[in-house]
Amino acid sequence: MGEGTNGVTGADERVAAEELEQRVALIREHMTDVVSELDYRRHELFDVKGQLKKHAGLVAAIGGGVLLLTGGAIGWSVYKSRKAKAEARKRTLFGPRIVKVSQYESIWHKIASAAAGVLATMAAKALAAQLVRPVLEAGAASAPPPALPDYD
């Protein structure tokens, strides 16, 4: 038994090894180019000043939007505060006579609500009776359960 593979001579092995070395060298050269490009892009991406110069319009638009939203929120809160103060002044000037109508229910509304509740309860009870009655009658008509065995 020899150390080599059957049917392969030493010259073929050397040629195959040289081809592999050439392929590995090409792959390494290509990987070096890829890694250097990635490094360049990383430096470009994390260069804050360069990114701000590159996207100055977008940064200005976002900053303006934030200022506009902040100003709008402040203006809205000032408006609501002044409106609440004006309502409080009205209440103190005119007393409890100014009342929203929707705050108080009329007596007829209360009676109608109570009647609707009673009707809904009666309908639910009748429906339950209609659904349960056949089940109860079927259970009563069936044979009694078998007696348990006596183990005395």
C-alpha atoms as a PDB file:
ATOM      1  CA  MET A   1       0.000   0.000   0.000  1.00  0.00           C
ATOM      2  CA  GLY A   2       1.347   3.322  -1.046  1.00  0.00           C
ATOM      3  CA  GLU A   3       0.816   6.721   0.447  1.00  0.00           C
ATOM      4  CA  GLY A   4      -0.661   8.284  -2.704  1.00  0.00           C
ATOM      5  CA  THR A   5      -4.001   7.825  -4.299  1.00  0.00           C
ATOM      6  CA  ASN A   6      -4.357   5.054  -6.833  1.00  0.00           C
ATOM      7  CA  GLY A   7      -3.894   6.303 -10.391  1.00  0.00           C
ATOM      8  CA  VAL A   8      -2.435   9.716  -9.430  1.00  0.00           C
ATOM      9  CA  THR A   9       1.153  10.548 -10.087  1.00  0.00           C
ATOM     10  CA  GLY A  10       3.328  13.012  -8.214  1.00  0.00           C
ATOM     11  CA  ALA A  11       3.379  15.539 -11.100  1.00  0.00           C
ATOM     12  CA  ASP A  12      -0.429  15.764 -11.142  1.00  0.00           C
ATOM     13  CA  GLU A  13      -0.436  16.426  -7.430  1.00  0.00           C
ATOM     14  CA  ARG A  14       2.035  19.276  -7.827  1.00  0.00           C
ATOM     15  CA  VAL A  15      -0.018  20.847 -10.616  1.00  0.00           C
ATOM     16  CA  ALA A  16      -3.211  20.572  -8.547  1.00  0.00           C
ATOM     17  CA  ALA A  17      -1.462  22.120  -5.545  1.00  0.00           C
ATOM     18  CA  GLU A  18      -0.157  25.030  -7.665  1.00  0.00           C
ATOM     19  CA  GLU A  19      -3.651  25.633  -9.077  1.00  0.00           C
ATOM     20  CA  LEU A  20      -5.083  25.672  -5.557  1.00  0.00           C
ATOM     21  CA  GLU A  21      -2.415  28.140  -4.434  1.00  0.00           C
ATOM     22  CA  GLN A  22      -3.234  30.416  -7.381  1.00  0.00           C
ATOM     23  CA  ARG A  23      -6.958  30.266  -6.610  1.00  0.00           C
ATOM     24  CA  VAL A  24      -6.310  31.025  -2.930  1.00  0.00           C
ATOM     25  CA  ALA A  25      -4.117  33.994  -3.906  1.00  0.00           C
ATOM     26  CA  LEU A  26      -6.875  35.347  -6.201  1.00  0.00           C
ATOM     27  CA  ILE A  27      -9.483  34.940  -3.472  1.00  0.00           C
ATOM     28  CA  ARG A  28      -7.245  36.729  -0.959  1.00  0.00           C
ATOM     29  CA  GLU A  29      -6.666  39.591  -3.390  1.00  0.00           C
ATOM     30  CA  HIS A  30     -10.398  39.910  -4.017  1.00  0.00           C
ATOM     31  CA  MET A  31     -11.145  39.790  -0.271  1.00  0.00           C
ATOM     32  CA  THR A  32      -8.582  42.545   0.325  1.00  0.00           C
ATOM     33  CA  ASP A  33     -10.426  44.766  -2.160  1.00  0.00           C
ATOM     34  CA  VAL A  34     -13.784  43.998  -0.538  1.00  0.00           C
ATOM     35  CA  VAL A  35     -12.512  44.673   2.987  1.00  0.00           C
ATOM     36  CA  SER A  36     -10.887  47.965   1.960  1.00  0.00           C
ATOM     37  CA  GLU A  37     -14.148  49.069   0.269  1.00  0.00           C
ATOM     38  CA  LEU A  38     -16.146  48.181   3.402  1.00  0.00           C
ATOM     39  CA  ASP A  39     -13.680  50.115   5.543  1.00  0.00           C
ATOM     40  CA  TYR A  40     -14.017  53.169   3.264  1.00  0.00           C
ATOM     41  CA  ARG A  41     -17.822  53.011   3.441  1.00  0.00           C
ATOM     42  CA  ARG A  42     -17.731  52.639   7.237  1.00  0.00           C
ATOM     43  CA  HIS A  43     -15.573  55.768   7.550  1.00  0.00           C
ATOM     44  CA  GLU A  44     -17.891  57.665   5.195  1.00  0.00           C
ATOM     45  CA  LEU A  45     -21.013  56.551   7.050  1.00  0.00           C
ATOM     46  CA  PHE A  46     -19.795  57.592  10.500  1.00  0.00           C
ATOM     47  CA  ASP A  47     -18.430  60.965   9.351  1.00  0.00           C
ATOM     48  CA  VAL A  48     -21.107  63.167  10.975  1.00  0.00           C
ATOM     49  CA  LYS A  49     -19.959  66.452   9.453  1.00  0.00           C
ATOM     50  CA  GLY A  50     -19.829  64.913   6.007  1.00  0.00           C
ATOM     51  CA  GLN A  51     -23.284  63.401   6.399  1.00  0.00           C
ATOM     52  CA  LEU A  52     -24.709  66.755   7.560  1.00  0.00           C
ATOM     53  CA  LYS A  53     -23.202  68.496   4.503  1.00  0.00           C
ATOM     54  CA  LYS A  54     -24.451  65.743   2.208  1.00  0.00           C
ATOM     55  CA  HIS A  55     -28.029  65.822   3.575  1.00  0.00           C
ATOM     56  CA  ALA A  56     -28.330  69.488   4.587  1.00  0.00           C
ATOM     57  CA  GLY A  57     -31.779  69.934   3.019  1.00  0.00           C
ATOM     58  CA  LEU A  58     -33.233  66.902   4.766  1.00  0.00           C
ATOM     59  CA  VAL A  59     -31.787  67.953   8.132  1.00  0.00           C
ATOM     60  CA  ALA A  60     -33.221  71.460   7.684  1.00  0.00           C
ATOM     61  CA  ALA A  61     -36.653  70.077   6.760  1.00  0.00           C
ATOM     62  CA  ILE A  62     -36.731  67.752   9.778  1.00  0.00           C
ATOM     63  CA  GLY A  63     -35.605  70.569  12.105  1.00  0.00           C
ATOM     64  CA  GLY A  64     -38.261  72.902  10.693  1.00  0.00           C
ATOM     65  CA  GLY A  65     -40.918  70.218  11.133  1.00  0.00           C
ATOM     66  CA  VAL A  66     -39.934  69.664  14.739  1.00  0.00           C
ATOM     67  CA  LEU A  67     -40.047  73.411  15.426  1.00  0.00           C
ATOM     68  CA  LEU A  68     -43.427  73.681  13.704  1.00  0.00           C
ATOM     69  CA  LEU A  69     -44.888  70.808  15.729  1.00  0.00           C
ATOM     70  CA  THR A  70     -43.497  72.194  18.980  1.00  0.00           C
ATOM     71  CA  GLY A  71     -44.884  75.652  18.240  1.00  0.00           C
ATOM     72  CA  GLY A  72     -48.265  74.171  17.305  1.00  0.00           C
ATOM     73  CA  ALA A  73     -48.427  72.162  20.524  1.00  0.00           C
ATOM     74  CA  ILE A  74     -47.579  75.222  22.606  1.00  0.00           C
ATOM     75  CA  GLY A  75     -50.139  77.343  20.746  1.00  0.00           C
ATOM     76  CA  TRP A  76     -52.833  74.681  21.203  1.00  0.00           C
ATOM     77  CA  SER A  77     -52.181  74.430  24.939  1.00  0.00           C
ATOM     78  CA  VAL A  78     -52.333  78.230  25.294  1.00  0.00           C
ATOM     79  CA  TYR A  79     -55.635  78.285  23.367  1.00  0.00           C
ATOM     80  CA  LYS A  80     -57.155  75.540  25.543  1.00  0.00           C
ATOM     81  CA  SER A  81     -55.985  77.280  28.718  1.00  0.00           C
ATOM     82  CA  ARG A  82     -57.509  80.604  27.680  1.00  0.00           C
ATOM     83  CA  LYS A  83     -60.749  78.897  26.680  1.00  0.00           C
ATOM     84  CA  ALA A  84     -60.963  77.152  30.061  1.00  0.00           C
ATOM     85  CA  LYS A  85     -60.342  80.433  31.865  1.00  0.00           C
ATOM     86  CA  ALA A  86     -63.087  82.140  29.837  1.00  0.00           C
ATOM     87  CA  GLU A  87     -65.533  79.340  30.715  1.00  0.00           C
ATOM     88  CA  ALA A  88     -64.630  79.703  34.394  1.00  0.00           C
ATOM     89  CA  ARG A  89     -65.237  83.460  34.212  1.00  0.00           C
ATOM     90  CA  LYS A  90     -68.645  82.848  32.604  1.00  0.00           C
ATOM     91  CA  ARG A  91     -69.595  80.445  35.358  1.00  0.00           C
ATOM     92  CA  THR A  92     -68.617  82.901  38.060  1.00  0.00           C
ATOM     93  CA  LEU A  93     -70.442  85.793  36.358  1.00  0.00           C
ATOM     94  CA  PHE A  94     -73.690  84.024  35.579  1.00  0.00           C
ATOM     95  CA  GLY A  95     -73.720  81.423  38.342  1.00  0.00           C
ATOM     96  CA  PRO A  96     -75.128  77.921  38.023  1.00  0.00           C
ATOM     97  CA  ARG A  97     -77.880  79.019  35.601  1.00  0.00           C
ATOM     98  CA  ILE A  98     -75.702  78.153  32.556  1.00  0.00           C
ATOM     99  CA  VAL A  99     -75.870  74.376  32.341  1.00  0.00           C
ATOM    100  CA  LYS A 100     -75.505  72.126  29.362  1.00  0.00           C
ATOM    101  CA  VAL A 101     -78.772  70.370  28.601  1.00  0.00           C
ATOM    102  CA  SER A 102     -77.047  67.039  27.976  1.00  0.00           C
ATOM    103  CA  GLN A 103     -75.816  66.877  31.576  1.00  0.00           C
ATOM    104  CA  TYR A 104     -79.228  66.120  33.045  1.00  0.00           C
ATOM    105  CA  GLU A 105     -81.668  63.420  31.983  1.00  0.00           C
ATOM    106  CA  SER A 106     -85.347  64.154  31.817  1.00  0.00           C
ATOM    107  CA  ILE A 107     -87.774  62.067  33.857  1.00  0.00           C
ATOM    108  CA  TRP A 108     -89.222  60.586  30.659  1.00  0.00           C
ATOM    109  CA  HIS A 109     -85.804  59.397  29.574  1.00  0.00           C
ATOM    110  CA  LYS A 110     -85.326  57.638  32.912  1.00  0.00           C
ATOM    111  CA  ILE A 111     -88.754  55.946  32.680  1.00  0.00           C
ATOM    112  CA  ALA A 112     -88.096  54.791  29.099  1.00  0.00           C
ATOM    113  CA  SER A 113     -84.683  53.386  30.075  1.00  0.00           C
ATOM    114  CA  ALA A 114     -86.146  51.430  32.982  1.00  0.00           C
ATOM    115  CA  ALA A 115     -88.961  50.042  30.804  1.00  0.00           C
ATOM    116  CA  ALA A 116     -86.490  48.970  28.116  1.00  0.00           C
ATOM    117  CA  GLY A 117     -84.411  47.165  30.751  1.00  0.00           C
ATOM    118  CA  VAL A 118     -87.472  45.302  32.060  1.00  0.00           C
ATOM    119  CA  LEU A 119     -88.544  44.289  28.548  1.00  0.00           C
ATOM    120  CA  ALA A 120     -85.057  43.041  27.688  1.00  0.00           C
ATOM    121  CA  THR A 121     -84.958  40.970  30.890  1.00  0.00           C
ATOM    122  CA  MET A 122     -88.371  39.432  30.213  1.00  0.00           C
ATOM    123  CA  ALA A 123     -87.399  38.562  26.626  1.00  0.00           C
ATOM    124  CA  ALA A 124     -84.155  36.927  27.753  1.00  0.00           C
ATOM    125  CA  LYS A 125     -86.008  34.888  30.397  1.00  0.00           C
ATOM    126  CA  ALA A 126     -88.624  33.690  27.880  1.00  0.00           C
ATOM    127  CA  LEU A 127     -85.948  32.714  25.358  1.00  0.00           C
ATOM    128  CA  ALA A 128     -84.008  30.809  28.005  1.00  0.00           C
ATOM    129  CA  ALA A 129     -87.149  28.962  29.056  1.00  0.00           C
ATOM    130  CA  GLN A 130     -87.888  27.989  25.435  1.00  0.00           C
ATOM    131  CA  LEU A 131     -84.346  26.669  24.969  1.00  0.00           C
ATOM    132  CA  VAL A 132     -84.057  24.816  28.276  1.00  0.00           C
ATOM    133  CA  ARG A 133     -87.561  23.276  28.502  1.00  0.00           C
ATOM    134  CA  PRO A 134     -86.955  20.562  25.813  1.00  0.00           C
ATOM    135  CA  VAL A 135     -83.721  19.533  27.486  1.00  0.00           C
ATOM    136  CA  LEU A 136     -85.396  19.199  30.888  1.00  0.00           C
ATOM    137  CA  GLU A 137     -88.340  17.241  29.449  1.00  0.00           C
ATOM    138  CA  ALA A 138     -85.993  14.863  27.607  1.00  0.00           C
ATOM    139  CA  GLY A 139     -84.041  14.277  30.800  1.00  0.00           C
ATOM    140  CA  ALA A 140     -87.199  13.531  32.805  1.00  0.00           C
ATOM    141  CA  ALA A 141     -88.523  11.100  30.180  1.00  0.00           C
ATOM    142  CA  SER A 142     -85.350   9.045  30.002  1.00  0.00           C
ATOM    143  CA  ALA A 143     -84.758   5.958  32.135  1.00  0.00           C
ATOM    144  CA  PRO A 144     -83.341   6.510  35.611  1.00  0.00           C
ATOM    145  CA  PRO A 145     -79.608   5.979  35.966  1.00  0.00           C
ATOM    146  CA  PRO A 146     -78.474   2.451  36.873  1.00  0.00           C
ATOM    147  CA  ALA A 147     -78.050   1.700  40.552  1.00  0.00           C
ATOM    148  CA  LEU A 148     -74.582   1.438  41.969  1.00  0.00           C
ATOM    149  CA  PRO A 149     -73.446  -2.046  42.871  1.00  0.00           C
ATOM    150  CA  ASP A 150     -73.503  -3.004  46.543  1.00  0.00           C
ATOM    151  CA  TYR A 151     -70.068  -4.205  47.728  1.00  0.00           C
ATOM    152  CA  ASP A 152     -71.021  -5.336  51.239  1.00  0.00           C
END
